Amino acid sequence: MGVEFGSRSGGRSRISQWLRRSPKDTSADDRAREELLLAAAGAGLPLAPAAYPSGYRCSCDRIGCPTPARHPVSFAWQTQSTTDRGQIERWARHQPQANFITATGMVHDVLDVPLDAGLEALERLLAAGIEVGPVAESGGSNGHGRLLFFTATRGTPEDEDEWWPCELDCHPETMDEHPGLRWHCRGSYVLVPPARLPGDLEVRWLRGPEHPLPDPLTLLATLTDECARVAGEPQEDIAAWPLRG
């Protein structure tokens, strides 16, 4: 796609340049941000505008917003989400500070795990030669980091009786009930890189959307194993992300 993606060990990526932009390089970094968003949409991830940090608070008008810079701008985000290039360009140019969410359960799902468990699982999966799709890191510091594994969706069968609900399913209003592995499917969303969070944190690609979306079941056993292992180790009390109001 001709787009450079960030990496844990890489140098100054386009994402990090955008996050640390100065007034002099705003135009170039806005173009880089737009390219990254269009690359995600080009891979089939439907996008919609989201809130962004305003200091240590959220850009929305809600006092004491429980999920600052992590939620859609519109209540109609599910129908608003799109992969249309022209619409995403207009949003990106008219809202240069906005984050973007991607609605799950249409084309893709997201398996969302604690950062330490996710990194161990990623290493195991790659070593075993298992196909891993796009992977993003969200807020990786202070024990609050998450790793987001983008997968193909389980589908939306015509017969609703064929839809198999799962306790791993995660929706925006129930995220704090899933401190381990969360499965974002229909009715949920996650932030798509590049995104900024309060406290100079970020959401960035470790593996970009140029990687094909795998079947979620090929990743699930390894992710659940690592989540269970990490949960059994002494660690700080980690708040669920995002927090519910």
C-alpha atoms as a PDB file:
ATOM      1  CA  MET A   1       0.000   0.000   0.000  1.00  0.00           C
ATOM      2  CA  GLY A   2       3.028   2.227   0.188  1.00  0.00           C
ATOM      3  CA  VAL A   3       2.291   3.202   3.773  1.00  0.00           C
ATOM      4  CA  GLU A   4       4.885   2.951   6.512  1.00  0.00           C
ATOM      5  CA  PHE A   5       3.695   1.422   9.756  1.00  0.00           C
ATOM      6  CA  GLY A   6       5.224   1.801  13.209  1.00  0.00           C
ATOM      7  CA  SER A   7       7.060  -1.030  14.969  1.00  0.00           C
ATOM      8  CA  ARG A   8       8.211  -1.573  18.516  1.00  0.00           C
ATOM      9  CA  SER A   9      11.855  -1.403  17.571  1.00  0.00           C
ATOM     10  CA  GLY A  10      11.617   0.871  14.573  1.00  0.00           C
ATOM     11  CA  GLY A  11      12.678   4.459  14.293  1.00  0.00           C
ATOM     12  CA  ARG A  12      10.546   7.519  13.943  1.00  0.00           C
ATOM     13  CA  SER A  13       7.469   6.163  12.115  1.00  0.00           C
ATOM     14  CA  ARG A  14       4.783   8.223  10.459  1.00  0.00           C
ATOM     15  CA  ILE A  15       2.533   7.551  13.419  1.00  0.00           C
ATOM     16  CA  SER A  16       5.066   8.826  15.943  1.00  0.00           C
ATOM     17  CA  GLN A  17       5.743  11.835  13.731  1.00  0.00           C
ATOM     18  CA  TRP A  18       2.028  12.619  13.731  1.00  0.00           C
ATOM     19  CA  LEU A  19       1.793  12.231  17.503  1.00  0.00           C
ATOM     20  CA  ARG A  20       4.729  14.579  18.056  1.00  0.00           C
ATOM     21  CA  ARG A  21       3.965  17.041  15.329  1.00  0.00           C
ATOM     22  CA  SER A  22       4.855  20.709  15.577  1.00  0.00           C
ATOM     23  CA  PRO A  23       3.126  23.621  13.836  1.00  0.00           C
ATOM     24  CA  LYS A  24       5.793  23.564  11.122  1.00  0.00           C
ATOM     25  CA  ASP A  25       5.154  19.966  10.064  1.00  0.00           C
ATOM     26  CA  THR A  26       1.399  19.795  10.648  1.00  0.00           C
ATOM     27  CA  SER A  27       0.552  19.595   6.949  1.00  0.00           C
ATOM     28  CA  ALA A  28       2.907  16.685   6.209  1.00  0.00           C
ATOM     29  CA  ASP A  29       1.837  14.777   9.317  1.00  0.00           C
ATOM     30  CA  ASP A  30      -1.835  15.316   8.544  1.00  0.00           C
ATOM     31  CA  ARG A  31      -1.213  13.744   5.144  1.00  0.00           C
ATOM     32  CA  ALA A  32       0.579  10.808   6.793  1.00  0.00           C
ATOM     33  CA  ARG A  33      -2.337  10.374   9.223  1.00  0.00           C
ATOM     34  CA  GLU A  34      -4.779  10.451   6.337  1.00  0.00           C
ATOM     35  CA  GLU A  35      -2.770   7.811   4.453  1.00  0.00           C
ATOM     36  CA  LEU A  36      -2.830   5.508   7.477  1.00  0.00           C
ATOM     37  CA  LEU A  37      -6.585   5.905   7.865  1.00  0.00           C
ATOM     38  CA  LEU A  38      -7.162   5.275   4.160  1.00  0.00           C
ATOM     39  CA  ALA A  39      -4.946   2.193   4.336  1.00  0.00           C
ATOM     40  CA  ALA A  40      -7.132   0.825   7.147  1.00  0.00           C
ATOM     41  CA  ALA A  41     -10.297   1.588   5.188  1.00  0.00           C
ATOM     42  CA  GLY A  42      -8.751   0.064   2.072  1.00  0.00           C
ATOM     43  CA  ALA A  43      -8.263  -3.147   4.044  1.00  0.00           C
ATOM     44  CA  GLY A  44     -12.007  -3.194   4.732  1.00  0.00           C
ATOM     45  CA  LEU A  45     -12.120  -1.649   8.216  1.00  0.00           C
ATOM     46  CA  PRO A  46     -15.175   0.655   8.432  1.00  0.00           C
ATOM     47  CA  LEU A  47     -14.252   3.931  10.155  1.00  0.00           C
ATOM     48  CA  ALA A  48     -16.087   6.726  11.966  1.00  0.00           C
ATOM     49  CA  PRO A  49     -14.797   9.838  13.789  1.00  0.00           C
ATOM     50  CA  ALA A  50     -14.043   9.611  17.500  1.00  0.00           C
ATOM     51  CA  ALA A  51     -13.195  11.977  20.329  1.00  0.00           C
ATOM     52  CA  TYR A  52      -9.621  13.060  21.006  1.00  0.00           C
ATOM     53  CA  PRO A  53      -7.592  14.281  24.012  1.00  0.00           C
ATOM     54  CA  SER A  54      -8.011  17.826  25.221  1.00  0.00           C
ATOM     55  CA  GLY A  55      -5.220  18.084  27.740  1.00  0.00           C
ATOM     56  CA  TYR A  56      -5.906  15.228  30.146  1.00  0.00           C
ATOM     57  CA  ARG A  57      -9.611  15.360  29.367  1.00  0.00           C
ATOM     58  CA  CYS A  58     -11.850  14.408  26.455  1.00  0.00           C
ATOM     59  CA  SER A  59     -12.851  16.645  23.584  1.00  0.00           C
ATOM     60  CA  CYS A  60     -16.530  15.755  24.133  1.00  0.00           C
ATOM     61  CA  ASP A  61     -18.852  17.916  26.239  1.00  0.00           C
ATOM     62  CA  ARG A  62     -19.516  15.244  28.840  1.00  0.00           C
ATOM     63  CA  ILE A  63     -18.265  16.196  32.298  1.00  0.00           C
ATOM     64  CA  GLY A  64     -16.115  13.416  33.700  1.00  0.00           C
ATOM     65  CA  CYS A  65     -16.185  11.395  30.468  1.00  0.00           C
ATOM     66  CA  PRO A  66     -15.450   7.775  31.524  1.00  0.00           C
ATOM     67  CA  THR A  67     -13.668   6.898  28.247  1.00  0.00           C
ATOM     68  CA  PRO A  68     -11.803  10.065  27.231  1.00  0.00           C
ATOM     69  CA  ALA A  69     -10.693  10.089  23.581  1.00  0.00           C
ATOM     70  CA  ARG A  70     -11.832   6.467  23.133  1.00  0.00           C
ATOM     71  CA  HIS A  71     -15.451   6.768  21.972  1.00  0.00           C
ATOM     72  CA  PRO A  72     -17.252   7.730  18.739  1.00  0.00           C
ATOM     73  CA  VAL A  73     -18.464  11.266  18.220  1.00  0.00           C
ATOM     74  CA  SER A  74     -21.901  10.207  16.967  1.00  0.00           C
ATOM     75  CA  PHE A  75     -24.429   7.861  18.574  1.00  0.00           C
ATOM     76  CA  ALA A  76     -25.041   6.647  15.009  1.00  0.00           C
ATOM     77  CA  TRP A  77     -21.505   5.329  14.652  1.00  0.00           C
ATOM     78  CA  GLN A  78     -22.623   1.878  13.492  1.00  0.00           C
ATOM     79  CA  THR A  79     -24.485   3.223  10.465  1.00  0.00           C
ATOM     80  CA  GLN A  80     -21.999   6.059   9.986  1.00  0.00           C
ATOM     81  CA  SER A  81     -18.958   3.761   9.769  1.00  0.00           C
ATOM     82  CA  THR A  82     -17.666   3.510   6.225  1.00  0.00           C
ATOM     83  CA  THR A  83     -14.739   2.513   4.030  1.00  0.00           C
ATOM     84  CA  ASP A  84     -15.587   5.204   1.461  1.00  0.00           C
ATOM     85  CA  ARG A  85     -12.365   6.991   0.604  1.00  0.00           C
ATOM     86  CA  GLY A  86     -13.959  10.361  -0.132  1.00  0.00           C
ATOM     87  CA  GLN A  87     -15.892  10.453   3.143  1.00  0.00           C
ATOM     88  CA  ILE A  88     -12.852   9.494   5.211  1.00  0.00           C
ATOM     89  CA  GLU A  89     -10.770  12.157   3.481  1.00  0.00           C
ATOM     90  CA  ARG A  90     -13.420  14.778   4.301  1.00  0.00           C
ATOM     91  CA  TRP A  91     -13.592  13.702   7.940  1.00  0.00           C
ATOM     92  CA  ALA A  92      -9.806  13.638   8.306  1.00  0.00           C
ATOM     93  CA  ARG A  93      -9.371  17.084   6.751  1.00  0.00           C
ATOM     94  CA  HIS A  94     -12.272  18.756   8.557  1.00  0.00           C
ATOM     95  CA  GLN A  95     -11.411  17.162  11.930  1.00  0.00           C
ATOM     96  CA  PRO A  96      -7.597  17.130  11.989  1.00  0.00           C
ATOM     97  CA  GLN A  97      -7.380  16.241  15.693  1.00  0.00           C
ATOM     98  CA  ALA A  98     -10.020  13.506  15.703  1.00  0.00           C
ATOM     99  CA  ASN A  99      -9.315   9.885  16.486  1.00  0.00           C
ATOM    100  CA  PHE A 100     -11.225   7.229  14.541  1.00  0.00           C
ATOM    101  CA  ILE A 101     -12.961   4.053  15.631  1.00  0.00           C
ATOM    102  CA  THR A 102     -13.567   0.990  13.509  1.00  0.00           C
ATOM    103  CA  ALA A 103     -16.883  -0.810  13.955  1.00  0.00           C
ATOM    104  CA  THR A 104     -16.439  -4.545  14.537  1.00  0.00           C
ATOM    105  CA  GLY A 105     -18.696  -7.407  13.524  1.00  0.00           C
ATOM    106  CA  MET A 106     -19.238  -6.247   9.932  1.00  0.00           C
ATOM    107  CA  VAL A 107     -16.014  -7.268   8.217  1.00  0.00           C
ATOM    108  CA  HIS A 108     -13.708  -7.924  11.124  1.00  0.00           C
ATOM    109  CA  ASP A 109     -13.631  -8.748  14.826  1.00  0.00           C
ATOM    110  CA  VAL A 110     -10.947  -7.793  17.347  1.00  0.00           C
ATOM    111  CA  LEU A 111      -9.475  -9.989  20.074  1.00  0.00           C
ATOM    112  CA  ASP A 112      -8.379  -7.536  22.764  1.00  0.00           C
ATOM    113  CA  VAL A 113      -5.937  -8.749  25.438  1.00  0.00           C
ATOM    114  CA  PRO A 114      -3.648  -7.285  28.131  1.00  0.00           C
ATOM    115  CA  LEU A 115      -0.381  -6.061  26.638  1.00  0.00           C
ATOM    116  CA  ASP A 116       1.981  -8.531  28.337  1.00  0.00           C
ATOM    117  CA  ALA A 117      -0.186 -11.516  27.436  1.00  0.00           C
ATOM    118  CA  GLY A 118      -0.612 -10.246  23.897  1.00  0.00           C
ATOM    119  CA  LEU A 119       3.101  -9.788  23.270  1.00  0.00           C
ATOM    120  CA  GLU A 120       3.874 -13.295  24.519  1.00  0.00           C
ATOM    121  CA  ALA A 121       1.044 -14.722  22.423  1.00  0.00           C
ATOM    122  CA  LEU A 122       2.192 -12.830  19.339  1.00  0.00           C
ATOM    123  CA  GLU A 123       5.704 -14.233  19.699  1.00  0.00           C
ATOM    124  CA  ARG A 124       4.345 -17.772  20.105  1.00  0.00           C
ATOM    125  CA  LEU A 125       1.996 -17.491  17.134  1.00  0.00           C
ATOM    126  CA  LEU A 126       4.658 -16.158  14.790  1.00  0.00           C
ATOM    127  CA  ALA A 127       7.176 -18.777  15.942  1.00  0.00           C
ATOM    128  CA  ALA A 128       4.620 -21.496  15.229  1.00  0.00           C
ATOM    129  CA  GLY A 129       4.033 -20.159  11.719  1.00  0.00           C
ATOM    130  CA  ILE A 130       0.394 -19.307  12.420  1.00  0.00           C
ATOM    131  CA  GLU A 131      -1.030 -16.578  10.221  1.00  0.00           C
ATOM    132  CA  VAL A 132      -1.463 -13.404  12.292  1.00  0.00           C
ATOM    133  CA  GLY A 133      -3.276 -10.418  10.868  1.00  0.00           C
ATOM    134  CA  PRO A 134      -3.062  -6.743  11.836  1.00  0.00           C
ATOM    135  CA  VAL A 135      -2.079  -6.078  15.451  1.00  0.00           C
ATOM    136  CA  ALA A 136      -2.280  -2.739  17.261  1.00  0.00           C
ATOM    137  CA  GLU A 137      -0.934  -1.620  20.616  1.00  0.00           C
ATOM    138  CA  SER A 138      -3.136   0.665  22.698  1.00  0.00           C
ATOM    139  CA  GLY A 139      -1.857   2.797  25.565  1.00  0.00           C
ATOM    140  CA  GLY A 140       1.217   0.697  26.293  1.00  0.00           C
ATOM    141  CA  SER A 141       2.406   2.084  29.623  1.00  0.00           C
ATOM    142  CA  ASN A 142       1.539   2.208  33.326  1.00  0.00           C
ATOM    143  CA  GLY A 143       0.066  -1.299  33.226  1.00  0.00           C
ATOM    144  CA  HIS A 144      -2.954  -0.224  31.153  1.00  0.00           C
ATOM    145  CA  GLY A 145      -1.771  -1.363  27.736  1.00  0.00           C
ATOM    146  CA  ARG A 146      -3.780  -3.656  25.476  1.00  0.00           C
ATOM    147  CA  LEU A 147      -2.939  -5.553  22.298  1.00  0.00           C
ATOM    148  CA  LEU A 148      -5.605  -5.701  19.605  1.00  0.00           C
ATOM    149  CA  PHE A 149      -5.602  -8.663  17.208  1.00  0.00           C
ATOM    150  CA  PHE A 150      -7.710  -7.909  14.120  1.00  0.00           C
ATOM    151  CA  THR A 151      -9.394 -11.001  12.671  1.00  0.00           C
ATOM    152  CA  ALA A 152     -12.106 -11.929  10.213  1.00  0.00           C
ATOM    153  CA  THR A 153     -15.580 -11.666  11.689  1.00  0.00           C
ATOM    154  CA  ARG A 154     -17.568 -14.718  12.729  1.00  0.00           C
ATOM    155  CA  GLY A 155     -20.154 -13.590  10.227  1.00  0.00           C
ATOM    156  CA  THR A 156     -23.770 -12.498  10.426  1.00  0.00           C
ATOM    157  CA  PRO A 157     -25.919 -15.509   9.517  1.00  0.00           C
ATOM    158  CA  GLU A 158     -29.403 -14.928   8.156  1.00  0.00           C
ATOM    159  CA  ASP A 159     -30.776 -17.273  10.795  1.00  0.00           C
ATOM    160  CA  GLU A 160     -30.140 -15.549  14.116  1.00  0.00           C
ATOM    161  CA  ASP A 161     -30.404 -18.937  15.862  1.00  0.00           C
ATOM    162  CA  GLU A 162     -27.105 -19.836  14.186  1.00  0.00           C
ATOM    163  CA  TRP A 163     -25.356 -16.946  15.911  1.00  0.00           C
ATOM    164  CA  TRP A 164     -23.388 -18.436  18.778  1.00  0.00           C
ATOM    165  CA  PRO A 165     -23.108 -15.992  21.676  1.00  0.00           C
ATOM    166  CA  CYS A 166     -20.014 -16.217  23.804  1.00  0.00           C
ATOM    167  CA  GLU A 167     -19.026 -14.908  27.222  1.00  0.00           C
ATOM    168  CA  LEU A 168     -15.967 -13.432  25.550  1.00  0.00           C
ATOM    169  CA  ASP A 169     -18.174 -11.103  23.492  1.00  0.00           C
ATOM    170  CA  CYS A 170     -17.397  -7.507  24.367  1.00  0.00           C
ATOM    171  CA  HIS A 171     -19.569  -4.478  23.758  1.00  0.00           C
ATOM    172  CA  PRO A 172     -18.725  -0.866  24.642  1.00  0.00           C
ATOM    173  CA  GLU A 173     -21.039  -0.876  27.662  1.00  0.00           C
ATOM    174  CA  THR A 174     -19.662  -4.152  29.073  1.00  0.00           C
ATOM    175  CA  MET A 175     -15.917  -3.777  28.561  1.00  0.00           C
ATOM    176  CA  ASP A 176     -15.094  -3.529  32.250  1.00  0.00           C
ATOM    177  CA  GLU A 177     -16.577  -7.012  32.754  1.00  0.00           C
ATOM    178  CA  HIS A 178     -13.813  -8.505  30.613  1.00  0.00           C
ATOM    179  CA  PRO A 179     -10.456  -7.610  32.223  1.00  0.00           C
ATOM    180  CA  GLY A 180      -8.770 -10.516  30.409  1.00  0.00           C
ATOM    181  CA  LEU A 181      -9.578 -11.390  26.801  1.00  0.00           C
ATOM    182  CA  ARG A 182     -12.323  -9.350  25.124  1.00  0.00           C
ATOM    183  CA  TRP A 183     -13.895 -10.310  21.825  1.00  0.00           C
ATOM    184  CA  HIS A 184     -15.196  -7.267  19.961  1.00  0.00           C
ATOM    185  CA  CYS A 185     -17.859  -8.383  17.490  1.00  0.00           C
ATOM    186  CA  ARG A 186     -21.278  -7.004  16.543  1.00  0.00           C
ATOM    187  CA  GLY A 187     -22.170  -3.783  18.318  1.00  0.00           C
ATOM    188  CA  SER A 188     -18.635  -2.993  19.461  1.00  0.00           C
ATOM    189  CA  TYR A 189     -15.703  -0.903  18.253  1.00  0.00           C
ATOM    190  CA  VAL A 190     -12.041  -0.170  18.895  1.00  0.00           C
ATOM    191  CA  LEU A 191      -9.812   2.774  18.118  1.00  0.00           C
ATOM    192  CA  VAL A 192      -7.894   2.408  14.873  1.00  0.00           C
ATOM    193  CA  PRO A 193      -4.302   3.682  14.577  1.00  0.00           C
ATOM    194  CA  PRO A 194      -3.074   6.303  14.551  1.00  0.00           C
ATOM    195  CA  ALA A 195      -4.858   7.609  17.636  1.00  0.00           C
ATOM    196  CA  ARG A 196      -3.879   9.784  20.583  1.00  0.00           C
ATOM    197  CA  LEU A 197      -4.900   9.146  24.185  1.00  0.00           C
ATOM    198  CA  PRO A 198      -4.674  11.350  27.294  1.00  0.00           C
ATOM    199  CA  GLY A 199      -1.298  11.320  28.999  1.00  0.00           C
ATOM    200  CA  ASP A 200       0.711  11.251  25.740  1.00  0.00           C
ATOM    201  CA  LEU A 201      -0.314   7.644  25.089  1.00  0.00           C
ATOM    202  CA  GLU A 202      -1.151   6.340  21.647  1.00  0.00           C
ATOM    203  CA  VAL A 203      -2.679   3.567  19.571  1.00  0.00           C
ATOM    204  CA  ARG A 204      -0.278   2.328  16.907  1.00  0.00           C
ATOM    205  CA  TRP A 205       0.201  -0.556  14.526  1.00  0.00           C
ATOM    206  CA  LEU A 206       2.665  -3.317  15.356  1.00  0.00           C
ATOM    207  CA  ARG A 207       1.499  -5.161  12.235  1.00  0.00           C
ATOM    208  CA  GLY A 208      -0.362  -3.019   9.743  1.00  0.00           C
ATOM    209  CA  PRO A 209      -3.643  -3.637   7.905  1.00  0.00           C
ATOM    210  CA  GLU A 210      -1.813  -4.924   4.853  1.00  0.00           C
ATOM    211  CA  HIS A 211      -1.819  -8.330   6.601  1.00  0.00           C
ATOM    212  CA  PRO A 212      -4.855 -10.525   5.735  1.00  0.00           C
ATOM    213  CA  LEU A 213      -7.449 -11.051   8.450  1.00  0.00           C
ATOM    214  CA  PRO A 214      -7.120 -14.554   9.982  1.00  0.00           C
ATOM    215  CA  ASP A 215      -9.840 -16.792  11.390  1.00  0.00           C
ATOM    216  CA  PRO A 216     -10.193 -15.740  15.063  1.00  0.00           C
ATOM    217  CA  LEU A 217     -10.315 -19.369  16.205  1.00  0.00           C
ATOM    218  CA  THR A 218      -6.734 -19.924  15.015  1.00  0.00           C
ATOM    219  CA  LEU A 219      -5.547 -17.349  17.582  1.00  0.00           C
ATOM    220  CA  LEU A 220      -7.975 -17.949  20.405  1.00  0.00           C
ATOM    221  CA  ALA A 221      -6.297 -20.861  22.233  1.00  0.00           C
ATOM    222  CA  THR A 222      -2.911 -19.130  22.393  1.00  0.00           C
ATOM    223  CA  LEU A 223      -4.426 -15.826  23.510  1.00  0.00           C
ATOM    224  CA  THR A 224      -6.529 -17.414  26.249  1.00  0.00           C
ATOM    225  CA  ASP A 225      -3.534 -19.469  27.458  1.00  0.00           C
ATOM    226  CA  GLU A 226      -1.378 -16.358  27.787  1.00  0.00           C
ATOM    227  CA  CYS A 227      -4.149 -14.361  29.454  1.00  0.00           C
ATOM    228  CA  ALA A 228      -4.585 -17.120  32.027  1.00  0.00           C
ATOM    229  CA  ARG A 229      -0.841 -17.314  32.619  1.00  0.00           C
ATOM    230  CA  VAL A 230      -0.464 -13.557  33.088  1.00  0.00           C
ATOM    231  CA  ALA A 231      -3.544 -13.415  35.347  1.00  0.00           C
ATOM    232  CA  GLY A 232      -1.918 -15.988  37.612  1.00  0.00           C
ATOM    233  CA  GLU A 233       1.199 -13.895  38.095  1.00  0.00           C
ATOM    234  CA  PRO A 234       1.443 -11.194  40.804  1.00  0.00           C
ATOM    235  CA  GLN A 235       0.763  -7.842  39.186  1.00  0.00           C
ATOM    236  CA  GLU A 236      -0.684  -4.431  39.854  1.00  0.00           C
ATOM    237  CA  ASP A 237      -4.454  -4.045  39.840  1.00  0.00           C
ATOM    238  CA  ILE A 238      -5.110  -3.063  36.227  1.00  0.00           C
ATOM    239  CA  ALA A 239      -8.253  -1.153  35.371  1.00  0.00           C
ATOM    240  CA  ALA A 240     -10.300  -2.432  32.446  1.00  0.00           C
ATOM    241  CA  TRP A 241     -10.218  -0.399  29.237  1.00  0.00           C
ATOM    242  CA  PRO A 242     -12.236   1.584  28.514  1.00  0.00           C
ATOM    243  CA  LEU A 243     -13.751   2.311  31.900  1.00  0.00           C
ATOM    244  CA  ARG A 244     -17.537   2.375  32.146  1.00  0.00           C
ATOM    245  CA  GLY A 245     -19.375   5.316  33.642  1.00  0.00           C
END
